[in-house]
Amino acid sequence: MNAEMLKGHLDNVILATLERGPAHGYAVIEDIRRRSGGSFDLPEGTVYPALHRLELAGLIASDWVTPEVGRRKRVYALTPGGKTALKDRREGWAEFSRAVGAFLEPDKPWAA
């Protein structure tokens, strides 16, 4: 799958990933890879800037966590605003997907 297809949707994918619960950055990357069947094998240099951007926007929050074994990790979680944004973005995605489908799947016309 062309990585360009994910542009503009990465923030939504990350928010949906964190909807399952708090996670550190590498766990977010792994979950995205697993849930996409390996189609989205994203480098850290793509995901971490998006996490920081979402945090600056107030959609996620982070905290440092020190496990009993291992080194400390920054864990990210959805904020209430992030939950609302994800709900709104899902609704927008559904409408967008139906509209594009009207062109790419001509046997399935868009029901306005």
PDB file of N, CA and C in Angstrom:
ATOM      1  N   MET A   1       0.858  -1.184   0.000  1.00  0.00           N
ATOM      2  CA  MET A   1       0.000   0.000   0.000  1.00  0.00           C
ATOM      3  C   MET A   1       0.895   1.235   0.000  1.00  0.00           C
ATOM      4  N   ASN A   2       0.522   2.207  -0.758  1.00  0.00           N
ATOM      5  CA  ASN A   2       1.275   3.441  -0.875  1.00  0.00           C
ATOM      6  C   ASN A   2       1.147   4.257   0.418  1.00  0.00           C
ATOM      7  N   ALA A   3       2.286   4.610   1.037  1.00  0.00           N
ATOM      8  CA  ALA A   3       2.283   5.379   2.285  1.00  0.00           C
ATOM      9  C   ALA A   3       1.619   6.739   2.110  1.00  0.00           C
ATOM     10  N   GLU A   4       1.616   7.247   0.882  1.00  0.00           N
ATOM     11  CA  GLU A   4       0.982   8.537   0.616  1.00  0.00           C
ATOM     12  C   GLU A   4      -0.517   8.491   0.907  1.00  0.00           C
ATOM     13  N   MET A   5      -1.117   7.310   0.801  1.00  0.00           N
ATOM     14  CA  MET A   5      -2.552   7.183   1.028  1.00  0.00           C
ATOM     15  C   MET A   5      -2.913   7.462   2.486  1.00  0.00           C
ATOM     16  N   LEU A   6      -1.956   7.292   3.387  1.00  0.00           N
ATOM     17  CA  LEU A   6      -2.221   7.513   4.808  1.00  0.00           C
ATOM     18  C   LEU A   6      -2.119   8.988   5.192  1.00  0.00           C
ATOM     19  N   LYS A   7      -1.461   9.777   4.336  1.00  0.00           N
ATOM     20  CA  LYS A   7      -1.319  11.205   4.654  1.00  0.00           C
ATOM     21  C   LYS A   7      -2.687  11.830   4.885  1.00  0.00           C
ATOM     22  N   GLY A   8      -2.771  12.633   5.908  1.00  0.00           N
ATOM     23  CA  GLY A   8      -4.024  13.278   6.236  1.00  0.00           C
ATOM     24  C   GLY A   8      -4.921  12.429   7.118  1.00  0.00           C
ATOM     25  N   HIS A   9      -4.548  11.162   7.295  1.00  0.00           N
ATOM     26  CA  HIS A   9      -5.359  10.260   8.117  1.00  0.00           C
ATOM     27  C   HIS A   9      -4.585   9.720   9.319  1.00  0.00           C
ATOM     28  N   LEU A  10      -3.295  10.009   9.384  1.00  0.00           N
ATOM     29  CA  LEU A  10      -2.461   9.470  10.455  1.00  0.00           C
ATOM     30  C   LEU A  10      -2.969   9.886  11.831  1.00  0.00           C
ATOM     31  N   ASP A  11      -3.341  11.138  11.995  1.00  0.00           N
ATOM     32  CA  ASP A  11      -3.838  11.589  13.298  1.00  0.00           C
ATOM     33  C   ASP A  11      -5.070  10.794  13.716  1.00  0.00           C
ATOM     34  N   ASN A  12      -5.962  10.533  12.768  1.00  0.00           N
ATOM     35  CA  ASN A  12      -7.163   9.757  13.071  1.00  0.00           C
ATOM     36  C   ASN A  12      -6.803   8.332  13.477  1.00  0.00           C
ATOM     37  N   VAL A  13      -5.852   7.744  12.782  1.00  0.00           N
ATOM     38  CA  VAL A  13      -5.416   6.380  13.095  1.00  0.00           C
ATOM     39  C   VAL A  13      -4.815   6.332  14.500  1.00  0.00           C
ATOM     40  N   ILE A  14      -4.025   7.328  14.850  1.00  0.00           N
ATOM     41  CA  ILE A  14      -3.414   7.366  16.180  1.00  0.00           C
ATOM     42  C   ILE A  14      -4.478   7.558  17.254  1.00  0.00           C
ATOM     43  N   LEU A  15      -5.410   8.463  17.029  1.00  0.00           N
ATOM     44  CA  LEU A  15      -6.477   8.662  18.011  1.00  0.00           C
ATOM     45  C   LEU A  15      -7.272   7.369  18.214  1.00  0.00           C
ATOM     46  N   ALA A  16      -7.585   6.680  17.127  1.00  0.00           N
ATOM     47  CA  ALA A  16      -8.337   5.429  17.232  1.00  0.00           C
ATOM     48  C   ALA A  16      -7.515   4.360  17.946  1.00  0.00           C
ATOM     49  N   THR A  17      -6.216   4.372  17.759  1.00  0.00           N
ATOM     50  CA  THR A  17      -5.342   3.421  18.451  1.00  0.00           C
ATOM     51  C   THR A  17      -5.364   3.683  19.949  1.00  0.00           C
ATOM     52  N   LEU A  18      -5.284   4.947  20.340  1.00  0.00           N
ATOM     53  CA  LEU A  18      -5.269   5.293  21.762  1.00  0.00           C
ATOM     54  C   LEU A  18      -6.647   5.160  22.409  1.00  0.00           C
ATOM     55  N   GLU A  19      -7.684   5.028  21.594  1.00  0.00           N
ATOM     56  CA  GLU A  19      -9.016   4.811  22.141  1.00  0.00           C
ATOM     57  C   GLU A  19      -9.062   3.503  22.940  1.00  0.00           C
ATOM     58  N   ARG A  20      -8.233   2.560  22.581  1.00  0.00           N
ATOM     59  CA  ARG A  20      -8.178   1.262  23.267  1.00  0.00           C
ATOM     60  C   ARG A  20      -7.538   1.369  24.651  1.00  0.00           C
ATOM     61  N   GLY A  21      -6.848   2.478  24.886  1.00  0.00           N
ATOM     62  CA  GLY A  21      -6.212   2.688  26.177  1.00  0.00           C
ATOM     63  C   GLY A  21      -4.853   3.328  26.007  1.00  0.00           C
ATOM     64  N   PRO A  22      -4.286   3.834  27.107  1.00  0.00           N
ATOM     65  CA  PRO A  22      -2.986   4.489  27.046  1.00  0.00           C
ATOM     66  C   PRO A  22      -1.908   3.556  26.503  1.00  0.00           C
ATOM     67  N   ALA A  23      -0.944   4.138  25.807  1.00  0.00           N
ATOM     68  CA  ALA A  23       0.150   3.350  25.231  1.00  0.00           C
ATOM     69  C   ALA A  23       1.359   4.234  25.011  1.00  0.00           C
ATOM     70  N   HIS A  24       2.532   3.619  25.061  1.00  0.00           N
ATOM     71  CA  HIS A  24       3.754   4.362  24.728  1.00  0.00           C
ATOM     72  C   HIS A  24       3.925   4.350  23.213  1.00  0.00           C
ATOM     73  N   GLY A  25       4.794   5.198  22.722  1.00  0.00           N
ATOM     74  CA  GLY A  25       4.926   5.406  21.286  1.00  0.00           C
ATOM     75  C   GLY A  25       5.178   4.153  20.479  1.00  0.00           C
ATOM     76  N   TYR A  26       6.097   3.306  20.951  1.00  0.00           N
ATOM     77  CA  TYR A  26       6.399   2.097  20.190  1.00  0.00           C
ATOM     78  C   TYR A  26       5.195   1.164  20.160  1.00  0.00           C
ATOM     79  N   ALA A  27       4.430   1.103  21.249  1.00  0.00           N
ATOM     80  CA  ALA A  27       3.219   0.273  21.273  1.00  0.00           C
ATOM     81  C   ALA A  27       2.195   0.799  20.279  1.00  0.00           C
ATOM     82  N   VAL A  28       2.113   2.117  20.112  1.00  0.00           N
ATOM     83  CA  VAL A  28       1.217   2.709  19.115  1.00  0.00           C
ATOM     84  C   VAL A  28       1.635   2.244  17.724  1.00  0.00           C
ATOM     85  N   ILE A  29       2.934   2.305  17.442  1.00  0.00           N
ATOM     86  CA  ILE A  29       3.454   1.878  16.142  1.00  0.00           C
ATOM     87  C   ILE A  29       3.123   0.413  15.893  1.00  0.00           C
ATOM     88  N   GLU A  30       3.359  -0.421  16.890  1.00  0.00           N
ATOM     89  CA  GLU A  30       3.099  -1.856  16.753  1.00  0.00           C
ATOM     90  C   GLU A  30       1.612  -2.146  16.558  1.00  0.00           C
ATOM     91  N   ASP A  31       0.748  -1.441  17.273  1.00  0.00           N
ATOM     92  CA  ASP A  31      -0.688  -1.665  17.136  1.00  0.00           C
ATOM     93  C   ASP A  31      -1.176  -1.257  15.751  1.00  0.00           C
ATOM     94  N   ILE A  32      -0.666  -0.149  15.254  1.00  0.00           N
ATOM     95  CA  ILE A  32      -1.034   0.288  13.903  1.00  0.00           C
ATOM     96  C   ILE A  32      -0.586  -0.752  12.882  1.00  0.00           C
ATOM     97  N   ARG A  33       0.630  -1.252  13.032  1.00  0.00           N
ATOM     98  CA  ARG A  33       1.148  -2.267  12.106  1.00  0.00           C
ATOM     99  C   ARG A  33       0.274  -3.537  12.175  1.00  0.00           C
ATOM    100  N   ARG A  34      -0.037  -3.982  13.379  1.00  0.00           N
ATOM    101  CA  ARG A  34      -0.799  -5.214  13.562  1.00  0.00           C
ATOM    102  C   ARG A  34      -2.229  -5.068  13.027  1.00  0.00           C
ATOM    103  N   ARG A  35      -2.896  -3.974  13.407  1.00  0.00           N
ATOM    104  CA  ARG A  35      -4.303  -3.794  13.016  1.00  0.00           C
ATOM    105  C   ARG A  35      -4.462  -3.566  11.519  1.00  0.00           C
ATOM    106  N   SER A  36      -3.409  -3.073  10.857  1.00  0.00           N
ATOM    107  CA  SER A  36      -3.482  -2.852   9.411  1.00  0.00           C
ATOM    108  C   SER A  36      -2.964  -4.061   8.631  1.00  0.00           C
ATOM    109  N   GLY A  37      -2.675  -5.145   9.327  1.00  0.00           N
ATOM    110  CA  GLY A  37      -2.158  -6.327   8.647  1.00  0.00           C
ATOM    111  C   GLY A  37      -0.799  -6.088   8.020  1.00  0.00           C
ATOM    112  N   GLY A  38      -0.038  -5.153   8.602  1.00  0.00           N
ATOM    113  CA  GLY A  38       1.295  -4.835   8.088  1.00  0.00           C
ATOM    114  C   GLY A  38       1.307  -3.781   6.991  1.00  0.00           C
ATOM    115  N   SER A  39       0.146  -3.326   6.578  1.00  0.00           N
ATOM    116  CA  SER A  39       0.088  -2.316   5.513  1.00  0.00           C
ATOM    117  C   SER A  39       0.673  -0.980   5.961  1.00  0.00           C
ATOM    118  N   PHE A  40       0.488  -0.642   7.229  1.00  0.00           N
ATOM    119  CA  PHE A  40       1.022   0.607   7.764  1.00  0.00           C
ATOM    120  C   PHE A  40       2.182   0.276   8.690  1.00  0.00           C
ATOM    121  N   ASP A  41       3.372   0.182   8.115  1.00  0.00           N
ATOM    122  CA  ASP A  41       4.600  -0.089   8.864  1.00  0.00           C
ATOM    123  C   ASP A  41       5.338   1.244   8.980  1.00  0.00           C
ATOM    124  N   LEU A  42       4.936   2.025   9.975  1.00  0.00           N
ATOM    125  CA  LEU A  42       5.374   3.417  10.067  1.00  0.00           C
ATOM    126  C   LEU A  42       6.646   3.568  10.876  1.00  0.00           C
ATOM    127  N   PRO A  43       7.554   4.414  10.418  1.00  0.00           N
ATOM    128  CA  PRO A  43       8.770   4.673  11.186  1.00  0.00           C
ATOM    129  C   PRO A  43       8.486   5.598  12.369  1.00  0.00           C
ATOM    130  N   GLU A  44       9.347   5.512  13.364  1.00  0.00           N
ATOM    131  CA  GLU A  44       9.220   6.363  14.549  1.00  0.00           C
ATOM    132  C   GLU A  44       9.194   7.830  14.154  1.00  0.00           C
ATOM    133  N   GLY A  45       9.966   8.192  13.145  1.00  0.00           N
ATOM    134  CA  GLY A  45      10.047   9.578  12.697  1.00  0.00           C
ATOM    135  C   GLY A  45       8.759  10.109  12.102  1.00  0.00           C
ATOM    136  N   THR A  46       7.814   9.244  11.841  1.00  0.00           N
ATOM    137  CA  THR A  46       6.495   9.652  11.375  1.00  0.00           C
ATOM    138  C   THR A  46       5.514   9.732  12.531  1.00  0.00           C
ATOM    139  N   VAL A  47       5.564   8.749  13.423  1.00  0.00           N
ATOM    140  CA  VAL A  47       4.576   8.646  14.497  1.00  0.00           C
ATOM    141  C   VAL A  47       4.849   9.620  15.636  1.00  0.00           C
ATOM    142  N   TYR A  48       6.094   9.730  16.083  1.00  0.00           N
ATOM    143  CA  TYR A  48       6.370  10.597  17.232  1.00  0.00           C
ATOM    144  C   TYR A  48       6.037  12.069  16.981  1.00  0.00           C
ATOM    145  N   PRO A  49       6.363  12.623  15.819  1.00  0.00           N
ATOM    146  CA  PRO A  49       5.928  14.005  15.567  1.00  0.00           C
ATOM    147  C   PRO A  49       4.405  14.144  15.580  1.00  0.00           C
ATOM    148  N   ALA A  50       3.696  13.129  15.095  1.00  0.00           N
ATOM    149  CA  ALA A  50       2.227  13.182  15.127  1.00  0.00           C
ATOM    150  C   ALA A  50       1.725  13.133  16.566  1.00  0.00           C
ATOM    151  N   LEU A  51       2.339  12.309  17.410  1.00  0.00           N
ATOM    152  CA  LEU A  51       1.961  12.262  18.821  1.00  0.00           C
ATOM    153  C   LEU A  51       2.165  13.628  19.476  1.00  0.00           C
ATOM    154  N   HIS A  52       3.278  14.255  19.181  1.00  0.00           N
ATOM    155  CA  HIS A  52       3.550  15.583  19.755  1.00  0.00           C
ATOM    156  C   HIS A  52       2.546  16.615  19.234  1.00  0.00           C
ATOM    157  N   ARG A  53       2.225  16.545  17.967  1.00  0.00           N
ATOM    158  CA  ARG A  53       1.248  17.475  17.367  1.00  0.00           C
ATOM    159  C   ARG A  53      -0.131  17.297  18.020  1.00  0.00           C
ATOM    160  N   LEU A  54      -0.540  16.047  18.213  1.00  0.00           N
ATOM    161  CA  LEU A  54      -1.827  15.775  18.850  1.00  0.00           C
ATOM    162  C   LEU A  54      -1.841  16.228  20.308  1.00  0.00           C
ATOM    163  N   GLU A  55      -0.694  16.127  20.963  1.00  0.00           N
ATOM    164  CA  GLU A  55      -0.614  16.585  22.352  1.00  0.00           C
ATOM    165  C   GLU A  55      -0.699  18.107  22.418  1.00  0.00           C
ATOM    166  N   LEU A  56      -0.012  18.782  21.528  1.00  0.00           N
ATOM    167  CA  LEU A  56      -0.081  20.245  21.490  1.00  0.00           C
ATOM    168  C   LEU A  56      -1.501  20.732  21.198  1.00  0.00           C
ATOM    169  N   ALA A  57      -2.246  19.941  20.431  1.00  0.00           N
ATOM    170  CA  ALA A  57      -3.629  20.296  20.099  1.00  0.00           C
ATOM    171  C   ALA A  57      -4.594  19.959  21.239  1.00  0.00           C
ATOM    172  N   GLY A  58      -4.087  19.306  22.283  1.00  0.00           N
ATOM    173  CA  GLY A  58      -4.925  18.959  23.428  1.00  0.00           C
ATOM    174  C   GLY A  58      -5.782  17.722  23.224  1.00  0.00           C
ATOM    175  N   LEU A  59      -5.497  16.953  22.168  1.00  0.00           N
ATOM    176  CA  LEU A  59      -6.296  15.765  21.882  1.00  0.00           C
ATOM    177  C   LEU A  59      -5.787  14.528  22.617  1.00  0.00           C
ATOM    178  N   ILE A  60      -4.512  14.548  22.978  1.00  0.00           N
ATOM    179  CA  ILE A  60      -3.931  13.490  23.797  1.00  0.00           C
ATOM    180  C   ILE A  60      -3.080  14.147  24.870  1.00  0.00           C
ATOM    181  N   ALA A  61      -2.806  13.392  25.909  1.00  0.00           N
ATOM    182  CA  ALA A  61      -1.928  13.859  26.986  1.00  0.00           C
ATOM    183  C   ALA A  61      -0.901  12.760  27.227  1.00  0.00           C
ATOM    184  N   SER A  62       0.255  13.141  27.745  1.00  0.00           N
ATOM    185  CA  SER A  62       1.282  12.143  28.021  1.00  0.00           C
ATOM    186  C   SER A  62       1.793  12.281  29.442  1.00  0.00           C
ATOM    187  N   ASP A  63       2.351  11.192  29.906  1.00  0.00           N
ATOM    188  CA  ASP A  63       2.947  11.163  31.236  1.00  0.00           C
ATOM    189  C   ASP A  63       4.065  10.140  31.208  1.00  0.00           C
ATOM    190  N   TRP A  64       5.097  10.395  31.997  1.00  0.00           N
ATOM    191  CA  TRP A  64       6.193   9.440  32.105  1.00  0.00           C
ATOM    192  C   TRP A  64       5.822   8.363  33.111  1.00  0.00           C
ATOM    193  N   VAL A  65       6.057   7.114  32.724  1.00  0.00           N
ATOM    194  CA  VAL A  65       5.765   5.974  33.577  1.00  0.00           C
ATOM    195  C   VAL A  65       7.038   5.153  33.723  1.00  0.00           C
ATOM    196  N   THR A  66       7.355   4.785  34.967  1.00  0.00           N
ATOM    197  CA  THR A  66       8.525   3.957  35.220  1.00  0.00           C
ATOM    198  C   THR A  66       8.050   2.577  35.673  1.00  0.00           C
ATOM    199  N   PRO A  67       8.226   1.567  34.815  1.00  0.00           N
ATOM    200  CA  PRO A  67       7.806   0.220  35.201  1.00  0.00           C
ATOM    201  C   PRO A  67       8.773  -0.370  36.232  1.00  0.00           C
ATOM    202  N   GLU A  68       8.341  -1.442  36.880  1.00  0.00           N
ATOM    203  CA  GLU A  68       9.206  -2.094  37.860  1.00  0.00           C
ATOM    204  C   GLU A  68      10.478  -2.611  37.198  1.00  0.00           C
ATOM    205  N   VAL A  69      10.338  -3.101  35.979  1.00  0.00           N
ATOM    206  CA  VAL A  69      11.485  -3.602  35.225  1.00  0.00           C
ATOM    207  C   VAL A  69      11.562  -2.823  33.915  1.00  0.00           C
ATOM    208  N   GLY A  70      12.740  -2.384  33.582  1.00  0.00           N
ATOM    209  CA  GLY A  70      12.908  -1.649  32.334  1.00  0.00           C
ATOM    210  C   GLY A  70      13.010  -0.154  32.572  1.00  0.00           C
ATOM    211  N   ARG A  71      13.133   0.557  31.484  1.00  0.00           N
ATOM    212  CA  ARG A  71      13.294   2.004  31.595  1.00  0.00           C
ATOM    213  C   ARG A  71      11.961   2.723  31.472  1.00  0.00           C
ATOM    214  N   ARG A  72      11.960   3.965  31.888  1.00  0.00           N
ATOM    215  CA  ARG A  72      10.719   4.724  31.868  1.00  0.00           C
ATOM    216  C   ARG A  72      10.300   5.029  30.438  1.00  0.00           C
ATOM    217  N   LYS A  73       8.981   5.183  30.284  1.00  0.00           N
ATOM    218  CA  LYS A  73       8.398   5.402  28.960  1.00  0.00           C
ATOM    219  C   LYS A  73       7.376   6.515  29.055  1.00  0.00           C
ATOM    220  N   ARG A  74       7.258   7.244  27.969  1.00  0.00           N
ATOM    221  CA  ARG A  74       6.210   8.257  27.876  1.00  0.00           C
ATOM    222  C   ARG A  74       4.952   7.569  27.355  1.00  0.00           C
ATOM    223  N   VAL A  75       3.881   7.660  28.123  1.00  0.00           N
ATOM    224  CA  VAL A  75       2.629   7.004  27.776  1.00  0.00           C
ATOM    225  C   VAL A  75       1.617   8.070  27.368  1.00  0.00           C
ATOM    226  N   TYR A  76       0.934   7.803  26.266  1.00  0.00           N
ATOM    227  CA  TYR A  76      -0.029   8.739  25.700  1.00  0.00           C
ATOM    228  C   TYR A  76      -1.450   8.211  25.908  1.00  0.00           C
ATOM    229  N   ALA A  77      -2.385   9.132  26.152  1.00  0.00           N
ATOM    230  CA  ALA A  77      -3.786   8.766  26.346  1.00  0.00           C
ATOM    231  C   ALA A  77      -4.676   9.840  25.731  1.00  0.00           C
ATOM    232  N   LEU A  78      -5.857   9.425  25.297  1.00  0.00           N
ATOM    233  CA  LEU A  78      -6.836  10.380  24.782  1.00  0.00           C
ATOM    234  C   LEU A  78      -7.319  11.293  25.899  1.00  0.00           C
ATOM    235  N   THR A  79      -7.525  12.534  25.568  1.00  0.00           N
ATOM    236  CA  THR A  79      -8.172  13.475  26.481  1.00  0.00           C
ATOM    237  C   THR A  79      -9.671  13.464  26.159  1.00  0.00           C
ATOM    238  N   PRO A  80     -10.493  14.077  27.005  1.00  0.00           N
ATOM    239  CA  PRO A  80     -11.912  14.191  26.636  1.00  0.00           C
ATOM    240  C   PRO A  80     -12.098  14.879  25.277  1.00  0.00           C
ATOM    241  N   GLY A  81     -11.288  15.900  25.016  1.00  0.00           N
ATOM    242  CA  GLY A  81     -11.357  16.564  23.706  1.00  0.00           C
ATOM    243  C   GLY A  81     -10.951  15.637  22.577  1.00  0.00           C
ATOM    244  N   GLY A  82     -10.001  14.746  22.846  1.00  0.00           N
ATOM    245  CA  GLY A  82      -9.574  13.771  21.846  1.00  0.00           C
ATOM    246  C   GLY A  82     -10.674  12.772  21.534  1.00  0.00           C
ATOM    247  N   LYS A  83     -11.417  12.378  22.561  1.00  0.00           N
ATOM    248  CA  LYS A  83     -12.538  11.456  22.346  1.00  0.00           C
ATOM    249  C   LYS A  83     -13.613  12.104  21.485  1.00  0.00           C
ATOM    250  N   THR A  84     -13.897  13.366  21.762  1.00  0.00           N
ATOM    251  CA  THR A  84     -14.890  14.099  20.969  1.00  0.00           C
ATOM    252  C   THR A  84     -14.404  14.266  19.533  1.00  0.00           C
ATOM    253  N   ALA A  85     -13.122  14.629  19.390  1.00  0.00           N
ATOM    254  CA  ALA A  85     -12.564  14.811  18.046  1.00  0.00           C
ATOM    255  C   ALA A  85     -12.611  13.511  17.261  1.00  0.00           C
ATOM    256  N   LEU A  86     -12.312  12.394  17.906  1.00  0.00           N
ATOM    257  CA  LEU A  86     -12.346  11.106  17.217  1.00  0.00           C
ATOM    258  C   LEU A  86     -13.760  10.785  16.750  1.00  0.00           C
ATOM    259  N   LYS A  87     -14.738  11.039  17.572  1.00  0.00           N
ATOM    260  CA  LYS A  87     -16.144  10.806  17.193  1.00  0.00           C
ATOM    261  C   LYS A  87     -16.505  11.657  15.968  1.00  0.00           C
ATOM    262  N   ASP A  88     -16.148  12.941  16.006  1.00  0.00           N
ATOM    263  CA  ASP A  88     -16.442  13.841  14.890  1.00  0.00           C
ATOM    264  C   ASP A  88     -15.709  13.412  13.623  1.00  0.00           C
ATOM    265  N   ARG A  89     -14.452  12.998  13.776  1.00  0.00           N
ATOM    266  CA  ARG A  89     -13.658  12.592  12.616  1.00  0.00           C
ATOM    267  C   ARG A  89     -14.195  11.301  12.011  1.00  0.00           C
ATOM    268  N   ARG A  90     -14.705  10.411  12.855  1.00  0.00           N
ATOM    269  CA  ARG A  90     -15.302   9.171  12.337  1.00  0.00           C
ATOM    270  C   ARG A  90     -16.518   9.509  11.479  1.00  0.00           C
ATOM    271  N   GLU A  91     -17.331  10.427  11.949  1.00  0.00           N
ATOM    272  CA  GLU A  91     -18.510  10.821  11.186  1.00  0.00           C
ATOM    273  C   GLU A  91     -18.102  11.449   9.851  1.00  0.00           C
ATOM    274  N   GLY A  92     -17.094  12.302   9.878  1.00  0.00           N
ATOM    275  CA  GLY A  92     -16.594  12.915   8.652  1.00  0.00           C
ATOM    276  C   GLY A  92     -16.008  11.888   7.704  1.00  0.00           C
ATOM    277  N   TRP A  93     -15.295  10.910   8.264  1.00  0.00           N
ATOM    278  CA  TRP A  93     -14.696   9.853   7.447  1.00  0.00           C
ATOM    279  C   TRP A  93     -15.780   9.032   6.765  1.00  0.00           C
ATOM    280  N   ALA A  94     -16.839   8.707   7.489  1.00  0.00           N
ATOM    281  CA  ALA A  94     -17.917   7.901   6.916  1.00  0.00           C
ATOM    282  C   ALA A  94     -18.537   8.614   5.715  1.00  0.00           C
ATOM    283  N   GLU A  95     -18.777   9.912   5.856  1.00  0.00           N
ATOM    284  CA  GLU A  95     -19.358  10.672   4.751  1.00  0.00           C
ATOM    285  C   GLU A  95     -18.390  10.766   3.582  1.00  0.00           C
ATOM    286  N   PHE A  96     -17.129  11.048   3.871  1.00  0.00           N
ATOM    287  CA  PHE A  96     -16.100  11.145   2.834  1.00  0.00           C
ATOM    288  C   PHE A  96     -15.964   9.816   2.098  1.00  0.00           C
ATOM    289  N   SER A  97     -15.934   8.731   2.846  1.00  0.00           N
ATOM    290  CA  SER A  97     -15.778   7.403   2.264  1.00  0.00           C
ATOM    291  C   SER A  97     -16.940   7.058   1.335  1.00  0.00           C
ATOM    292  N   ARG A  98     -18.147   7.395   1.760  1.00  0.00           N
ATOM    293  CA  ARG A  98     -19.315   7.153   0.901  1.00  0.00           C
ATOM    294  C   ARG A  98     -19.216   7.967  -0.393  1.00  0.00           C
ATOM    295  N   ALA A  99     -18.796   9.210  -0.274  1.00  0.00           N
ATOM    296  CA  ALA A  99     -18.707  10.075  -1.463  1.00  0.00           C
ATOM    297  C   ALA A  99     -17.643   9.576  -2.433  1.00  0.00           C
ATOM    298  N   VAL A 100     -16.479   9.203  -1.935  1.00  0.00           N
ATOM    299  CA  VAL A 100     -15.424   8.679  -2.807  1.00  0.00           C
ATOM    300  C   VAL A 100     -15.863   7.345  -3.393  1.00  0.00           C
ATOM    301  N   GLY A 101     -16.532   6.538  -2.574  1.00  0.00           N
ATOM    302  CA  GLY A 101     -17.028   5.251  -3.057  1.00  0.00           C
ATOM    303  C   GLY A 101     -17.970   5.384  -4.234  1.00  0.00           C
ATOM    304  N   ALA A 102     -18.695   6.480  -4.310  1.00  0.00           N
ATOM    305  CA  ALA A 102     -19.597   6.709  -5.436  1.00  0.00           C
ATOM    306  C   ALA A 102     -18.826   6.788  -6.754  1.00  0.00           C
ATOM    307  N   PHE A 103     -17.557   7.161  -6.679  1.00  0.00           N
ATOM    308  CA  PHE A 103     -16.722   7.237  -7.876  1.00  0.00           C
ATOM    309  C   PHE A 103     -15.929   5.958  -8.104  1.00  0.00           C
ATOM    310  N   LEU A 104     -15.384   5.411  -7.015  1.00  0.00           N
ATOM    311  CA  LEU A 104     -14.520   4.240  -7.156  1.00  0.00           C
ATOM    312  C   LEU A 104     -15.288   2.925  -7.164  1.00  0.00           C
ATOM    313  N   GLU A 105     -16.503   2.953  -6.667  1.00  0.00           N
ATOM    314  CA  GLU A 105     -17.377   1.787  -6.683  1.00  0.00           C
ATOM    315  C   GLU A 105     -18.693   2.198  -7.340  1.00  0.00           C
ATOM    316  N   PRO A 106     -18.704   2.343  -8.660  1.00  0.00           N
ATOM    317  CA  PRO A 106     -19.875   2.910  -9.344  1.00  0.00           C
ATOM    318  C   PRO A 106     -21.171   2.120  -9.143  1.00  0.00           C
ATOM    319  N   ASP A 107     -21.071   0.859  -8.738  1.00  0.00           N
ATOM    320  CA  ASP A 107     -22.293   0.083  -8.489  1.00  0.00           C
ATOM    321  C   ASP A 107     -22.907   0.400  -7.146  1.00  0.00           C
ATOM    322  N   LYS A 108     -22.198   1.200  -6.305  1.00  0.00           N
ATOM    323  CA  LYS A 108     -22.699   1.589  -5.007  1.00  0.00           C
ATOM    324  C   LYS A 108     -22.861   3.114  -4.993  1.00  0.00           C
ATOM    325  N   PRO A 109     -23.979   3.645  -5.489  1.00  0.00           N
ATOM    326  CA  PRO A 109     -24.150   5.102  -5.533  1.00  0.00           C
ATOM    327  C   PRO A 109     -24.218   5.697  -4.116  1.00  0.00           C
ATOM    328  N   TRP A 110     -23.788   6.922  -4.041  1.00  0.00           N
ATOM    329  CA  TRP A 110     -23.767   7.630  -2.756  1.00  0.00           C
ATOM    330  C   TRP A 110     -25.175   8.028  -2.376  1.00  0.00           C
ATOM    331  N   ALA A 111     -25.572   7.606  -1.198  1.00  0.00           N
ATOM    332  CA  ALA A 111     -26.891   7.987  -0.682  1.00  0.00           C
ATOM    333  C   ALA A 111     -26.719   9.228   0.167  1.00  0.00           C
ATOM    334  N   ALA A 112     -27.171  10.357  -0.334  1.00  0.00           N
ATOM    335  CA  ALA A 112     -26.989  11.628   0.357  1.00  0.00           C
ATOM    336  C   ALA A 112     -27.765  11.685   1.660  1.00  0.00           C
TER     337      ALA A 112
END
